[in-house]
Amino acid sequence: MGMNHYIARTFLINRNYGNILAVDTTGASADTASQDGLGYTALFIGVAASHQMASTDLSRLNNYKSQILQAASAKNMDPAVIAAIISRETRAGAALAPDGTGDNGNGFGLMQVDYRYHTPAGGPYSTEHMMQGTQILIDTINCVRQRHPGWTAEMALKGGISGYNAGCGNVQTYAGMDVNTTGDDYANDVVARAQWLKAHGF
């Protein structure tokens, strides 16, 4: 990929869905950080915990980098956001059952497409699956935009990430968008992971 094409893609991504690096975040909650035994210590609290978990998942994420980049290009979404959702949802595949399911059988694939609301597309590690998950995210971002027309692109991006977990209707206020998400920190954790992954190859 030529540098000019990369710059053009980055501009287009930022223009359409906001710049993930400009989104504020408090990072992971104590419950989420406990997945890696990080706890809420002076060293691993909030954003630092999210960064550490993304770092732990990086080698596995790199196994799916080609699919992530293909889905990102097709959907005009920042690949770091897709990678961060995969890290949060399944620890980049480490939390998946052999049949590709998770979340007590309700979710499918690396991005945990919910069987209860969607018919999964492709295999659990496929580009097709990632394109479906990314489209669900985009649809949720657009729903948040409609519900909160005064929000900036970055606010809607964060709201869409929250809604990917708990539904667009759960995004009532900007400050409270993570209430009732898994761990009460979903968007803040994913944003922090994405910001770290953006600086580490995605």
Protein backbone atom coordinates (compact mmCIF):
# COMPACT_ATOMS: atom_id res chain seq x y z
CA MET A 1 0.00 0.00 0.00
CA GLY A 2 1.50 3.34 -1.04
CA MET A 3 1.84 6.13 1.50
CA ASN A 4 -0.51 8.42 -0.42
CA HIS A 5 -3.17 5.73 -0.42
CA TYR A 6 -2.63 5.19 3.31
CA ILE A 7 -2.99 8.92 4.01
CA ALA A 8 -6.14 9.10 1.89
CA ARG A 9 -7.61 6.10 3.68
CA THR A 10 -6.82 7.56 7.10
CA PHE A 11 -8.46 10.87 6.15
CA LEU A 12 -11.54 9.08 4.86
CA ILE A 13 -11.84 6.95 7.99
CA ASN A 14 -11.49 9.98 10.26
CA ARG A 15 -13.97 12.00 8.19
CA ASN A 16 -16.69 9.36 8.21
CA TYR A 17 -16.55 7.89 11.70
CA GLY A 18 -14.29 10.16 13.69
CA ASN A 19 -10.70 9.81 14.85
CA ILE A 20 -10.33 7.07 17.47
CA LEU A 21 -7.24 8.82 18.82
CA ALA A 22 -9.37 11.87 19.66
CA VAL A 23 -11.95 9.93 21.70
CA ASP A 24 -11.75 10.35 25.47
CA THR A 25 -11.63 7.19 27.55
CA THR A 26 -11.32 5.99 31.13
CA GLY A 27 -10.33 2.47 30.09
CA ALA A 28 -11.19 -0.84 31.70
CA SER A 29 -13.11 -1.42 34.92
CA ALA A 30 -11.80 -3.55 37.78
CA ASP A 31 -13.98 -6.46 36.65
CA THR A 32 -12.61 -6.38 33.12
CA ALA A 33 -9.02 -5.89 34.27
CA SER A 34 -9.36 -8.94 36.49
CA GLN A 35 -9.38 -11.14 33.35
CA ASP A 36 -5.60 -10.84 33.32
CA GLY A 37 -5.22 -10.64 37.07
CA LEU A 38 -4.36 -6.97 36.73
CA GLY A 39 -6.73 -5.68 39.37
CA TYR A 40 -6.97 -2.01 40.24
CA THR A 41 -3.41 -1.28 41.27
CA ALA A 42 -1.38 1.86 40.88
CA LEU A 43 0.15 0.41 37.71
CA PHE A 44 -2.87 -1.20 36.09
CA ILE A 45 -5.94 0.95 36.39
CA GLY A 46 -8.26 2.04 33.59
CA VAL A 47 -6.42 2.89 30.38
CA ALA A 48 -3.23 1.14 31.49
CA ALA A 49 -5.18 -2.08 32.05
CA SER A 50 -6.80 -1.81 28.62
CA HIS A 51 -3.41 -1.28 27.01
CA GLN A 52 -1.96 -4.29 28.80
CA MET A 53 -4.83 -6.55 27.68
CA ALA A 54 -4.47 -5.35 24.09
CA SER A 55 -0.75 -6.08 24.31
CA THR A 56 -1.49 -9.59 25.58
CA ASP A 57 -3.79 -10.17 22.60
CA LEU A 58 -1.53 -8.63 19.95
CA SER A 59 0.15 -11.82 18.74
CA ARG A 60 -3.24 -13.50 18.27
CA LEU A 61 -4.67 -10.41 16.55
CA ASN A 62 -1.78 -10.48 14.11
CA ASN A 63 -2.93 -13.95 13.02
CA TYR A 64 -6.11 -12.30 11.69
CA LYS A 65 -4.57 -9.03 10.52
CA SER A 66 -5.21 -9.72 6.83
CA GLN A 67 -8.93 -10.32 7.44
CA ILE A 68 -9.17 -7.28 9.72
CA LEU A 69 -7.56 -5.02 7.12
CA GLN A 70 -9.78 -6.38 4.35
CA ALA A 71 -12.93 -5.75 6.39
CA ALA A 72 -11.68 -2.31 7.41
CA SER A 73 -11.01 -1.35 3.80
CA ALA A 74 -14.35 -2.69 2.55
CA LYS A 75 -16.33 -0.91 5.27
CA ASN A 76 -14.16 2.21 5.62
CA MET A 77 -13.65 1.54 9.32
CA ASP A 78 -10.46 2.02 11.30
CA PRO A 79 -8.83 -1.42 11.60
CA ALA A 80 -7.74 -0.59 15.15
CA VAL A 81 -11.41 -0.35 16.18
CA ILE A 82 -12.20 -3.76 14.65
CA ALA A 83 -9.13 -5.28 16.30
CA ALA A 84 -10.06 -3.74 19.66
CA ILE A 85 -13.57 -5.20 19.53
CA ILE A 86 -12.08 -8.61 18.72
CA SER A 87 -9.71 -8.22 21.66
CA ARG A 88 -12.51 -7.26 24.03
CA GLU A 89 -15.09 -9.77 22.80
CA THR A 90 -13.00 -12.94 22.56
CA ARG A 91 -9.44 -12.06 23.58
CA ALA A 92 -8.64 -12.44 19.88
CA GLY A 93 -10.08 -15.94 19.78
CA ALA A 94 -8.68 -17.26 23.06
CA ALA A 95 -12.14 -17.23 24.66
CA LEU A 96 -13.93 -18.99 21.79
CA ALA A 97 -15.21 -22.56 21.96
CA PRO A 98 -13.97 -24.95 19.24
CA ASP A 99 -17.16 -24.32 17.23
CA GLY A 100 -16.53 -20.57 17.25
CA THR A 101 -19.20 -19.70 19.80
CA GLY A 102 -18.97 -17.71 23.00
CA ASP A 103 -21.16 -15.77 25.44
CA ASN A 104 -22.96 -18.91 26.62
CA GLY A 105 -23.63 -19.89 23.03
CA ASN A 106 -25.29 -16.60 22.06
CA GLY A 107 -22.34 -15.08 20.19
CA PHE A 108 -20.48 -16.29 17.11
CA GLY A 109 -16.97 -15.63 15.90
CA LEU A 110 -14.19 -13.25 16.81
CA MET A 111 -16.59 -10.28 16.90
CA GLN A 112 -19.35 -12.22 18.69
CA VAL A 113 -22.25 -11.64 16.30
CA ASP A 114 -25.33 -12.38 18.40
CA TYR A 115 -27.41 -15.32 17.15
CA ARG A 116 -30.50 -13.82 18.76
CA TYR A 117 -30.51 -10.79 16.45
CA HIS A 118 -28.44 -11.76 13.41
CA THR A 119 -27.78 -14.73 11.14
CA PRO A 120 -24.00 -15.16 11.26
CA ALA A 121 -22.13 -14.88 7.96
CA GLY A 122 -18.98 -16.84 7.13
CA GLY A 123 -16.74 -18.77 9.47
CA PRO A 124 -15.83 -17.55 12.95
CA TYR A 125 -12.43 -16.24 11.83
CA SER A 126 -13.33 -15.15 8.31
CA THR A 127 -13.27 -11.81 6.53
CA GLU A 128 -16.99 -12.25 5.85
CA HIS A 129 -17.65 -12.54 9.58
CA MET A 130 -15.60 -9.42 10.29
CA MET A 131 -17.40 -7.51 7.56
CA GLN A 132 -20.73 -8.47 9.14
CA GLY A 133 -19.59 -7.43 12.61
CA THR A 134 -18.21 -4.16 11.27
CA GLN A 135 -21.47 -3.42 9.45
CA ILE A 136 -23.37 -4.01 12.69
CA LEU A 137 -21.04 -1.48 14.34
CA ILE A 138 -21.60 1.03 11.53
CA ASP A 139 -25.37 0.60 11.75
CA THR A 140 -25.16 1.26 15.48
CA ILE A 141 -23.00 4.37 14.97
CA ASN A 142 -25.57 5.68 12.51
CA CYS A 143 -28.37 4.94 14.98
CA VAL A 144 -26.52 6.90 17.67
CA ARG A 145 -26.06 9.78 15.23
CA GLN A 146 -29.80 9.88 14.61
CA ARG A 147 -30.63 9.79 18.31
CA HIS A 148 -28.00 12.37 19.23
CA PRO A 149 -27.64 14.73 16.25
CA GLY A 150 -25.61 17.23 18.26
CA TRP A 151 -22.83 14.77 19.01
CA THR A 152 -19.48 15.00 17.23
CA ALA A 153 -18.23 12.16 15.04
CA GLU A 154 -15.97 11.00 17.87
CA MET A 155 -18.85 10.98 20.37
CA ALA A 156 -21.00 8.97 17.95
CA LEU A 157 -18.13 6.54 17.34
CA LYS A 158 -17.79 5.90 21.05
CA GLY A 159 -21.57 5.62 21.40
CA GLY A 160 -21.68 3.14 18.53
CA ILE A 161 -19.03 1.01 20.19
CA SER A 162 -21.07 1.01 23.40
CA GLY A 163 -24.21 0.15 21.44
CA TYR A 164 -22.42 -2.73 19.71
CA ASN A 165 -22.48 -4.39 23.12
CA ALA A 166 -25.72 -3.22 24.70
CA GLY A 167 -27.79 -1.81 21.83
CA CYS A 168 -28.27 1.68 20.44
CA GLY A 169 -31.19 2.32 22.80
CA ASN A 170 -28.89 1.92 25.79
CA VAL A 171 -26.85 4.97 24.70
CA GLN A 172 -28.88 7.61 26.54
CA THR A 173 -26.18 10.09 27.53
CA TYR A 174 -22.52 10.51 26.65
CA ALA A 175 -21.26 10.26 30.21
CA GLY A 176 -23.48 7.30 31.03
CA MET A 177 -23.27 5.32 27.81
CA ASP A 178 -21.41 2.41 29.41
CA VAL A 179 -23.99 1.84 32.15
CA ASN A 180 -25.48 -1.63 31.58
CA THR A 181 -22.77 -2.66 29.13
CA THR A 182 -20.70 -5.72 30.02
CA GLY A 183 -18.47 -4.62 32.90
CA ASP A 184 -20.03 -1.13 32.72
CA ASP A 185 -16.96 -0.13 30.69
CA TYR A 186 -17.36 -1.55 27.18
CA ALA A 187 -16.82 1.55 25.04
CA ASN A 188 -14.16 3.03 27.30
CA ASP A 189 -12.21 -0.22 27.30
CA VAL A 190 -12.53 -0.78 23.54
CA VAL A 191 -11.51 2.80 22.78
CA ALA A 192 -8.41 2.49 24.98
CA ARG A 193 -7.48 -0.83 23.36
CA ALA A 194 -7.98 0.66 19.89
CA GLN A 195 -5.75 3.62 20.69
CA TRP A 196 -2.98 1.25 21.79
CA LEU A 197 -3.45 -1.01 18.78
CA LYS A 198 -3.35 2.02 16.47
CA ALA A 199 0.22 2.57 17.63
CA HIS A 200 1.13 -1.11 17.27
CA GLY A 201 0.41 -2.07 13.70
CA PHE A 202 -3.31 -1.52 13.26
